[in-house]
C-alpha atoms as a PDB file:
ATOM      1  CA  UNK A   1      -8.077 -85.776 -18.199  1.00  0.00           C
ATOM      2  CA  UNK A   2      -8.177 -82.019 -17.608  1.00  0.00           C
ATOM      3  CA  UNK A   3      -7.780 -82.440 -13.845  1.00  0.00           C
ATOM      4  CA  UNK A   4      -4.473 -84.264 -14.373  1.00  0.00           C
ATOM      5  CA  UNK A   5      -3.249 -81.593 -16.795  1.00  0.00           C
ATOM      6  CA  UNK A   6      -4.239 -78.857 -14.319  1.00  0.00           C
ATOM      7  CA  UNK A   7      -2.345 -80.596 -11.526  1.00  0.00           C
ATOM      8  CA  UNK A   8       0.705 -80.899 -13.753  1.00  0.00           C
ATOM      9  CA  UNK A   9       0.914 -77.188 -14.579  1.00  0.00           C
ATOM     10  CA  UNK A  10      -0.387 -75.848 -11.257  1.00  0.00           C
ATOM     11  CA  UNK A  11       1.264 -72.581 -10.302  1.00  0.00           C
ATOM     12  CA  UNK A  12       3.215 -72.270 -13.571  1.00  0.00           C
ATOM     13  CA  UNK A  13       2.794 -69.105 -15.651  1.00  0.00           C
ATOM     14  CA  UNK A  14       1.434 -70.276 -19.012  1.00  0.00           C
ATOM     15  CA  UNK A  15       2.994 -67.526 -21.103  1.00  0.00           C
ATOM     16  CA  UNK A  16       3.518 -69.299 -24.414  1.00  0.00           C
ATOM     17  CA  UNK A  17       1.686 -71.896 -26.445  1.00  0.00           C
ATOM     18  CA  UNK A  18       4.800 -74.081 -26.375  1.00  0.00           C
ATOM     19  CA  UNK A  19       4.830 -74.010 -22.552  1.00  0.00           C
ATOM     20  CA  UNK A  20       1.190 -75.086 -22.468  1.00  0.00           C
ATOM     21  CA  UNK A  21       1.790 -77.871 -24.989  1.00  0.00           C
ATOM     22  CA  UNK A  22       4.831 -79.128 -23.092  1.00  0.00           C
ATOM     23  CA  UNK A  23       2.897 -79.365 -19.830  1.00  0.00           C
ATOM     24  CA  UNK A  24      -0.015 -81.100 -21.537  1.00  0.00           C
ATOM     25  CA  UNK A  25       2.356 -83.560 -23.262  1.00  0.00           C
ATOM     26  CA  UNK A  26       4.171 -84.185 -19.989  1.00  0.00           C
ATOM     27  CA  UNK A  27       1.003 -85.245 -18.181  1.00  0.00           C
ATOM     28  CA  UNK A  28       0.758 -88.908 -17.154  1.00  0.00           C
ATOM     29  CA  UNK A  29      -0.940 -90.889 -14.413  1.00  0.00           C
ATOM     30  CA  UNK A  30       0.116 -93.894 -12.391  1.00  0.00           C
ATOM     31  CA  UNK A  31      -2.494 -95.962 -14.250  1.00  0.00           C
ATOM     32  CA  UNK A  32      -0.894 -95.230 -17.628  1.00  0.00           C
ATOM     33  CA  UNK A  33      -2.817 -92.245 -19.001  1.00  0.00           C
ATOM     34  CA  UNK A  34      -0.585 -90.311 -21.422  1.00  0.00           C
ATOM     35  CA  UNK A  35      -1.698 -87.177 -23.220  1.00  0.00           C
ATOM     36  CA  UNK A  36      -0.804 -86.135 -26.755  1.00  0.00           C
ATOM     37  CA  UNK A  37      -1.164 -82.526 -27.888  1.00  0.00           C
ATOM     38  CA  UNK A  38      -0.337 -80.503 -30.954  1.00  0.00           C
ATOM     39  CA  UNK A  39      -0.981 -76.994 -32.191  1.00  0.00           C
ATOM     40  CA  UNK A  40      -3.552 -76.805 -34.965  1.00  0.00           C
ATOM     41  CA  UNK A  41      -2.652 -73.724 -36.983  1.00  0.00           C
ATOM     42  CA  UNK A  42      -5.492 -74.072 -39.471  1.00  0.00           C
ATOM     43  CA  UNK A  43      -7.410 -70.858 -40.079  1.00  0.00           C
ATOM     44  CA  UNK A  44     -11.130 -71.466 -39.764  1.00  0.00           C
ATOM     45  CA  UNK A  45     -13.786 -69.410 -41.500  1.00  0.00           C
ATOM     46  CA  UNK A  46     -15.693 -67.162 -39.103  1.00  0.00           C
ATOM     47  CA  UNK A  47     -19.432 -66.747 -38.920  1.00  0.00           C
ATOM     48  CA  UNK A  48     -20.484 -70.226 -40.030  1.00  0.00           C
ATOM     49  CA  UNK A  49     -23.844 -71.226 -38.599  1.00  0.00           C
ATOM     50  CA  UNK A  50     -25.135 -74.707 -37.880  1.00  0.00           C
ATOM     51  CA  UNK A  51     -28.614 -75.182 -39.276  1.00  0.00           C
ATOM     52  CA  UNK A  52     -31.475 -76.674 -37.265  1.00  0.00           C
ATOM     53  CA  UNK A  53     -31.440 -79.668 -39.642  1.00  0.00           C
ATOM     54  CA  UNK A  54     -27.704 -80.210 -38.998  1.00  0.00           C
ATOM     55  CA  UNK A  55     -28.279 -80.054 -35.226  1.00  0.00           C
ATOM     56  CA  UNK A  56     -31.147 -82.543 -35.431  1.00  0.00           C
ATOM     57  CA  UNK A  57     -28.958 -84.899 -37.489  1.00  0.00           C
ATOM     58  CA  UNK A  58     -26.411 -85.172 -34.645  1.00  0.00           C
ATOM     59  CA  UNK A  59     -26.510 -88.204 -32.390  1.00  0.00           C
ATOM     60  CA  UNK A  60     -26.598 -85.932 -29.342  1.00  0.00           C
ATOM     61  CA  UNK A  61     -27.248 -87.296 -25.854  1.00  0.00           C
ATOM     62  CA  UNK A  62     -27.832 -84.556 -23.288  1.00  0.00           C
ATOM     63  CA  UNK A  63     -27.001 -85.044 -19.623  1.00  0.00           C
ATOM     64  CA  UNK A  64     -29.685 -84.771 -16.946  1.00  0.00           C
ATOM     65  CA  UNK A  65     -27.538 -82.140 -15.203  1.00  0.00           C
ATOM     66  CA  UNK A  66     -27.120 -78.866 -17.164  1.00  0.00           C
ATOM     67  CA  UNK A  67     -28.101 -80.437 -20.501  1.00  0.00           C
ATOM     68  CA  UNK A  68     -27.314 -77.247 -22.415  1.00  0.00           C
ATOM     69  CA  UNK A  69     -23.631 -77.661 -21.421  1.00  0.00           C
ATOM     70  CA  UNK A  70     -23.219 -81.375 -20.698  1.00  0.00           C
ATOM     71  CA  UNK A  71     -23.736 -83.723 -23.591  1.00  0.00           C
ATOM     72  CA  UNK A  72     -22.148 -86.551 -25.563  1.00  0.00           C
ATOM     73  CA  UNK A  73     -21.954 -86.597 -29.356  1.00  0.00           C
ATOM     74  CA  UNK A  74     -21.807 -90.165 -30.619  1.00  0.00           C
ATOM     75  CA  UNK A  75     -21.105 -91.286 -34.191  1.00  0.00           C
ATOM     76  CA  UNK A  76     -24.275 -91.913 -36.168  1.00  0.00           C
ATOM     77  CA  UNK A  77     -25.583 -95.460 -35.930  1.00  0.00           C
ATOM     78  CA  UNK A  78     -23.707 -96.131 -32.673  1.00  0.00           C
ATOM     79  CA  UNK A  79     -25.636 -97.672 -29.780  1.00  0.00           C
ATOM     80  CA  UNK A  80     -25.564 -95.842 -26.421  1.00  0.00           C
END
């Protein structure tokens, strides 16, 4: 999806959040992909740490290539 968004805003100065959102929202493909985007203005608490137990509880599937960066998080109890 990101490649289509990048093509859509290529060469455009992304100076405001609204400009970015408009280009993301305006992205579509010939096969029917349409992108929705909104600004989440929630303020999140800083400094929260994920415990080892919380990490182990995730249904995390790491990729063979760069597994520290490439992974899929699946809902618990979901087959691969």
